[in-house]
């Protein structure tokens, strides 16, 4: 169900220019991560709470770690990962850095 809510990056978007191979590799890694579980923590990191919104967005970025823009329900994934293990380790680290959604002290 989560996968159906995602707006995936498209080749002709206005985002930073990343080749199709990198985009497919990183979005494939995200699909694998989602299929493995840990969805509540991923959603909290992605949108700020555990409830599934009507739409989620994924962007490929030039950063070093995955980040999220909770107000825009956008997950920004760096394009530099070459293996799933490196991707997973980085995403889990980013997820674990966000203990609660926004607006909570």
N, C-alpha and C. Protein backbone atom coordinates (compact mmCIF):
# COMPACT_ATOMS: atom_id res chain seq x y z
N UNK A 1 0.82 -1.20 0.00
CA UNK A 1 0.00 0.00 0.00
C UNK A 1 0.87 1.26 0.00
N UNK A 2 1.95 1.25 0.74
CA UNK A 2 2.85 2.40 0.79
C UNK A 2 3.42 2.70 -0.59
N UNK A 3 3.84 1.67 -1.30
CA UNK A 3 4.43 1.86 -2.62
C UNK A 3 3.46 2.54 -3.59
N UNK A 4 2.18 2.29 -3.44
CA UNK A 4 1.17 2.89 -4.32
C UNK A 4 0.99 4.38 -4.08
N UNK A 5 1.37 4.88 -2.93
CA UNK A 5 1.20 6.29 -2.58
C UNK A 5 2.39 7.15 -3.02
N UNK A 6 3.46 6.52 -3.49
CA UNK A 6 4.69 7.26 -3.79
C UNK A 6 4.68 7.82 -5.20
N UNK A 7 5.04 9.10 -5.30
CA UNK A 7 5.32 9.71 -6.58
C UNK A 7 6.83 9.61 -6.77
N UNK A 8 7.22 8.78 -7.72
CA UNK A 8 8.63 8.51 -7.96
C UNK A 8 9.24 9.58 -8.85
N UNK A 9 10.55 9.77 -8.79
CA UNK A 9 11.21 10.75 -9.67
C UNK A 9 11.01 10.37 -11.13
N UNK A 10 10.85 11.37 -11.96
CA UNK A 10 10.73 11.13 -13.40
C UNK A 10 11.91 11.77 -14.12
N UNK A 11 12.20 11.26 -15.29
CA UNK A 11 13.40 11.67 -16.01
C UNK A 11 13.42 13.15 -16.37
N UNK A 12 12.27 13.73 -16.67
CA UNK A 12 12.24 15.13 -17.11
C UNK A 12 11.82 16.10 -16.01
N UNK A 13 12.08 15.75 -14.74
CA UNK A 13 11.70 16.63 -13.64
C UNK A 13 12.68 17.80 -13.54
N UNK A 14 12.30 18.82 -12.77
CA UNK A 14 13.14 20.00 -12.57
C UNK A 14 14.17 19.81 -11.46
N UNK A 15 14.22 18.61 -10.86
CA UNK A 15 15.18 18.33 -9.81
C UNK A 15 16.59 18.34 -10.39
N UNK A 16 17.55 18.20 -9.50
CA UNK A 16 18.94 18.11 -9.95
C UNK A 16 19.06 17.01 -10.99
N UNK A 17 20.02 17.16 -11.86
CA UNK A 17 20.20 16.18 -12.94
C UNK A 17 20.97 14.97 -12.45
N UNK A 18 20.31 13.83 -12.45
CA UNK A 18 20.95 12.56 -12.13
C UNK A 18 20.60 11.61 -13.24
N UNK A 19 21.56 10.77 -13.59
CA UNK A 19 21.31 9.87 -14.71
C UNK A 19 20.26 8.83 -14.34
N UNK A 20 19.67 8.26 -15.36
CA UNK A 20 18.59 7.30 -15.18
C UNK A 20 19.06 6.08 -14.40
N UNK A 21 20.29 5.66 -14.62
CA UNK A 21 20.83 4.50 -13.92
C UNK A 21 20.87 4.74 -12.41
N UNK A 22 21.36 5.90 -11.98
CA UNK A 22 21.42 6.23 -10.55
C UNK A 22 20.03 6.32 -9.96
N UNK A 23 19.12 6.96 -10.67
CA UNK A 23 17.74 7.10 -10.18
C UNK A 23 17.10 5.73 -10.01
N UNK A 24 17.24 4.86 -10.98
CA UNK A 24 16.66 3.51 -10.89
C UNK A 24 17.29 2.70 -9.76
N UNK A 25 18.60 2.82 -9.60
CA UNK A 25 19.30 2.08 -8.54
C UNK A 25 18.80 2.52 -7.16
N UNK A 26 18.74 3.83 -6.93
CA UNK A 26 18.34 4.34 -5.61
C UNK A 26 16.87 4.06 -5.33
N UNK A 27 16.00 4.25 -6.30
CA UNK A 27 14.58 3.96 -6.07
C UNK A 27 14.36 2.46 -5.88
N UNK A 28 15.16 1.65 -6.55
CA UNK A 28 15.10 0.20 -6.33
C UNK A 28 15.51 -0.17 -4.91
N UNK A 29 16.56 0.50 -4.41
CA UNK A 29 16.97 0.28 -3.02
C UNK A 29 15.85 0.65 -2.05
N UNK A 30 15.16 1.77 -2.32
CA UNK A 30 14.06 2.18 -1.44
C UNK A 30 12.94 1.15 -1.48
N UNK A 31 12.60 0.65 -2.64
CA UNK A 31 11.57 -0.40 -2.74
C UNK A 31 11.95 -1.62 -1.91
N UNK A 32 13.20 -2.03 -2.01
CA UNK A 32 13.67 -3.18 -1.22
C UNK A 32 13.55 -2.88 0.28
N UNK A 33 13.92 -1.68 0.69
CA UNK A 33 13.85 -1.29 2.09
C UNK A 33 12.40 -1.34 2.58
N UNK A 34 11.48 -0.82 1.78
CA UNK A 34 10.06 -0.80 2.16
C UNK A 34 9.53 -2.22 2.27
N UNK A 35 9.91 -3.08 1.35
CA UNK A 35 9.42 -4.46 1.37
C UNK A 35 9.94 -5.24 2.58
N UNK A 36 11.07 -4.82 3.16
CA UNK A 36 11.63 -5.48 4.34
C UNK A 36 10.91 -5.10 5.62
N UNK A 37 10.19 -3.97 5.65
CA UNK A 37 9.48 -3.57 6.86
C UNK A 37 9.98 -2.27 7.43
N UNK A 38 9.80 -2.07 8.75
CA UNK A 38 10.18 -0.84 9.47
C UNK A 38 9.44 0.37 8.93
N UNK A 39 8.21 0.18 8.51
CA UNK A 39 7.46 1.25 7.85
C UNK A 39 7.04 2.37 8.79
N UNK A 40 6.69 2.06 10.02
CA UNK A 40 6.26 3.12 10.95
C UNK A 40 7.40 4.11 11.19
N UNK A 41 8.61 3.59 11.40
CA UNK A 41 9.75 4.48 11.61
C UNK A 41 10.09 5.27 10.34
N UNK A 42 10.00 4.62 9.20
CA UNK A 42 10.26 5.31 7.93
C UNK A 42 9.25 6.43 7.72
N UNK A 43 7.98 6.16 7.96
CA UNK A 43 6.95 7.19 7.80
C UNK A 43 7.15 8.35 8.76
N UNK A 44 7.53 8.07 10.00
CA UNK A 44 7.79 9.13 10.97
C UNK A 44 8.91 10.03 10.47
N UNK A 45 9.96 9.44 9.93
CA UNK A 45 11.06 10.22 9.38
C UNK A 45 10.62 10.99 8.14
N UNK A 46 9.82 10.37 7.30
CA UNK A 46 9.43 10.92 6.00
C UNK A 46 8.44 12.06 6.15
N UNK A 47 7.37 11.86 6.95
CA UNK A 47 6.29 12.85 7.02
C UNK A 47 6.03 13.42 8.41
N UNK A 48 6.66 12.86 9.44
CA UNK A 48 6.49 13.39 10.78
C UNK A 48 5.52 12.63 11.66
N UNK A 49 4.84 11.65 11.14
CA UNK A 49 3.93 10.82 11.94
C UNK A 49 3.78 9.46 11.27
N UNK A 50 3.12 8.52 11.93
CA UNK A 50 3.01 7.15 11.42
C UNK A 50 1.82 6.92 10.51
N UNK A 51 0.98 7.91 10.33
CA UNK A 51 -0.19 7.75 9.46
C UNK A 51 0.20 7.98 8.01
N UNK A 52 -0.30 7.14 7.13
CA UNK A 52 0.01 7.22 5.71
C UNK A 52 -0.78 8.37 5.07
N UNK A 53 -0.10 9.37 4.50
CA UNK A 53 -0.78 10.47 3.85
C UNK A 53 -1.28 10.05 2.46
N UNK A 54 -2.07 10.89 1.81
CA UNK A 54 -2.58 10.55 0.48
C UNK A 54 -1.48 10.40 -0.57
N UNK A 55 -0.38 11.12 -0.40
CA UNK A 55 0.69 11.07 -1.38
C UNK A 55 2.05 11.25 -0.70
N UNK A 56 3.04 10.54 -1.18
CA UNK A 56 4.42 10.65 -0.73
C UNK A 56 5.29 10.94 -1.94
N UNK A 57 6.35 11.70 -1.74
CA UNK A 57 7.25 12.02 -2.85
C UNK A 57 8.67 11.54 -2.55
N UNK A 58 9.37 11.16 -3.60
CA UNK A 58 10.78 10.79 -3.51
C UNK A 58 11.56 11.66 -4.48
N UNK A 59 12.67 12.21 -4.00
CA UNK A 59 13.58 12.97 -4.85
C UNK A 59 14.98 12.37 -4.71
N UNK A 60 15.73 12.43 -5.79
CA UNK A 60 17.13 12.03 -5.75
C UNK A 60 17.94 13.30 -5.56
N UNK A 61 18.88 13.26 -4.61
CA UNK A 61 19.63 14.47 -4.26
C UNK A 61 21.12 14.22 -4.32
N UNK A 62 21.88 15.28 -4.14
CA UNK A 62 23.32 15.17 -4.13
C UNK A 62 23.91 15.15 -2.74
N UNK A 63 23.10 15.00 -1.71
CA UNK A 63 23.58 15.02 -0.34
C UNK A 63 24.35 13.76 0.03
N UNK A 64 24.76 13.70 1.29
CA UNK A 64 25.49 12.53 1.76
C UNK A 64 24.59 11.56 2.53
N UNK A 65 23.55 12.08 3.19
CA UNK A 65 22.62 11.25 3.95
C UNK A 65 21.19 11.50 3.50
N UNK A 66 20.31 10.52 3.65
CA UNK A 66 18.89 10.75 3.34
C UNK A 66 18.33 11.83 4.26
N UNK A 67 17.48 12.68 3.72
CA UNK A 67 16.81 13.71 4.49
C UNK A 67 15.34 13.70 4.11
N UNK A 68 14.55 14.41 4.89
CA UNK A 68 13.13 14.51 4.56
C UNK A 68 12.67 15.95 4.70
N UNK A 69 11.66 16.25 3.96
CA UNK A 69 10.97 17.52 4.06
C UNK A 69 9.54 17.18 4.46
N UNK A 70 9.31 17.12 5.78
CA UNK A 70 8.03 16.62 6.28
C UNK A 70 6.84 17.46 5.84
N UNK A 71 7.03 18.76 5.69
CA UNK A 71 5.92 19.63 5.27
C UNK A 71 5.45 19.30 3.85
N UNK A 72 6.39 18.83 3.03
CA UNK A 72 6.06 18.50 1.64
C UNK A 72 5.99 17.00 1.41
N UNK A 73 6.10 16.21 2.50
CA UNK A 73 6.02 14.76 2.45
C UNK A 73 6.97 14.19 1.41
N UNK A 74 8.23 14.71 1.45
CA UNK A 74 9.23 14.35 0.46
C UNK A 74 10.45 13.72 1.13
N UNK A 75 10.86 12.58 0.61
CA UNK A 75 12.06 11.90 1.06
C UNK A 75 13.15 12.16 0.02
N UNK A 76 14.28 12.70 0.46
CA UNK A 76 15.37 13.04 -0.45
C UNK A 76 16.50 12.03 -0.24
N UNK A 77 16.77 11.29 -1.29
CA UNK A 77 17.76 10.21 -1.22
C UNK A 77 18.99 10.54 -2.05
N UNK A 78 20.17 10.48 -1.45
CA UNK A 78 21.40 10.74 -2.21
C UNK A 78 21.62 9.71 -3.31
N UNK A 79 22.21 10.16 -4.40
CA UNK A 79 22.42 9.30 -5.57
C UNK A 79 23.72 8.51 -5.51
N UNK A 80 24.55 8.73 -4.50
CA UNK A 80 25.90 8.15 -4.49
C UNK A 80 25.98 6.69 -4.07
N UNK A 81 24.92 6.11 -3.54
CA UNK A 81 24.99 4.73 -3.04
C UNK A 81 25.14 3.74 -4.19
N UNK A 82 26.09 2.82 -4.04
CA UNK A 82 26.33 1.79 -5.07
C UNK A 82 25.83 0.42 -4.64
N UNK A 83 25.68 0.21 -3.32
CA UNK A 83 25.19 -1.09 -2.83
C UNK A 83 23.99 -0.87 -1.91
N UNK A 84 23.14 -1.90 -1.85
CA UNK A 84 21.98 -1.82 -0.98
C UNK A 84 22.41 -1.72 0.48
N UNK A 85 23.46 -2.42 0.86
CA UNK A 85 23.90 -2.39 2.27
C UNK A 85 24.28 -0.99 2.70
N UNK A 86 24.99 -0.25 1.86
CA UNK A 86 25.36 1.13 2.19
C UNK A 86 24.12 2.02 2.27
N UNK A 87 23.20 1.82 1.34
CA UNK A 87 21.95 2.58 1.33
C UNK A 87 21.16 2.33 2.61
N UNK A 88 20.98 1.06 2.94
CA UNK A 88 20.20 0.68 4.12
C UNK A 88 20.83 1.24 5.39
N UNK A 89 22.13 1.11 5.53
CA UNK A 89 22.82 1.60 6.72
C UNK A 89 22.61 3.11 6.89
N UNK A 90 22.71 3.84 5.79
CA UNK A 90 22.53 5.29 5.83
C UNK A 90 21.09 5.67 6.15
N UNK A 91 20.13 4.99 5.53
CA UNK A 91 18.72 5.31 5.77
C UNK A 91 18.32 4.96 7.20
N UNK A 92 18.78 3.85 7.71
CA UNK A 92 18.48 3.47 9.10
C UNK A 92 19.08 4.50 10.06
N UNK A 93 20.28 4.96 9.78
CA UNK A 93 20.90 5.99 10.62
C UNK A 93 20.07 7.27 10.61
N UNK A 94 19.61 7.67 9.43
CA UNK A 94 18.79 8.87 9.32
C UNK A 94 17.46 8.70 10.05
N UNK A 95 16.84 7.56 9.88
CA UNK A 95 15.56 7.28 10.54
C UNK A 95 15.73 7.32 12.06
N UNK A 96 16.79 6.73 12.55
CA UNK A 96 17.03 6.69 14.00
C UNK A 96 17.37 8.06 14.58
N UNK A 97 17.70 9.01 13.75
CA UNK A 97 17.98 10.36 14.23
C UNK A 97 16.70 11.15 14.50
N UNK A 98 15.57 10.66 13.99
CA UNK A 98 14.29 11.34 14.17
C UNK A 98 13.43 10.52 15.13
N UNK A 99 13.40 10.93 16.40
CA UNK A 99 12.68 10.15 17.41
C UNK A 99 11.19 10.47 17.44
N UNK A 100 10.81 11.68 17.06
CA UNK A 100 9.40 12.04 17.05
C UNK A 100 9.12 12.87 15.81
N UNK A 101 7.85 13.03 15.53
CA UNK A 101 7.46 13.88 14.42
C UNK A 101 7.67 15.34 14.77
N UNK A 102 7.41 16.20 13.80
CA UNK A 102 7.62 17.61 14.02
C UNK A 102 6.61 18.16 15.03
N UNK A 103 6.96 19.26 15.67
CA UNK A 103 6.05 19.93 16.59
C UNK A 103 6.02 19.35 17.99
N UNK A 104 6.80 18.30 18.23
CA UNK A 104 6.80 17.69 19.56
C UNK A 104 8.11 18.02 20.26
N UNK A 105 8.05 18.22 21.56
CA UNK A 105 9.25 18.55 22.33
C UNK A 105 9.68 17.35 23.14
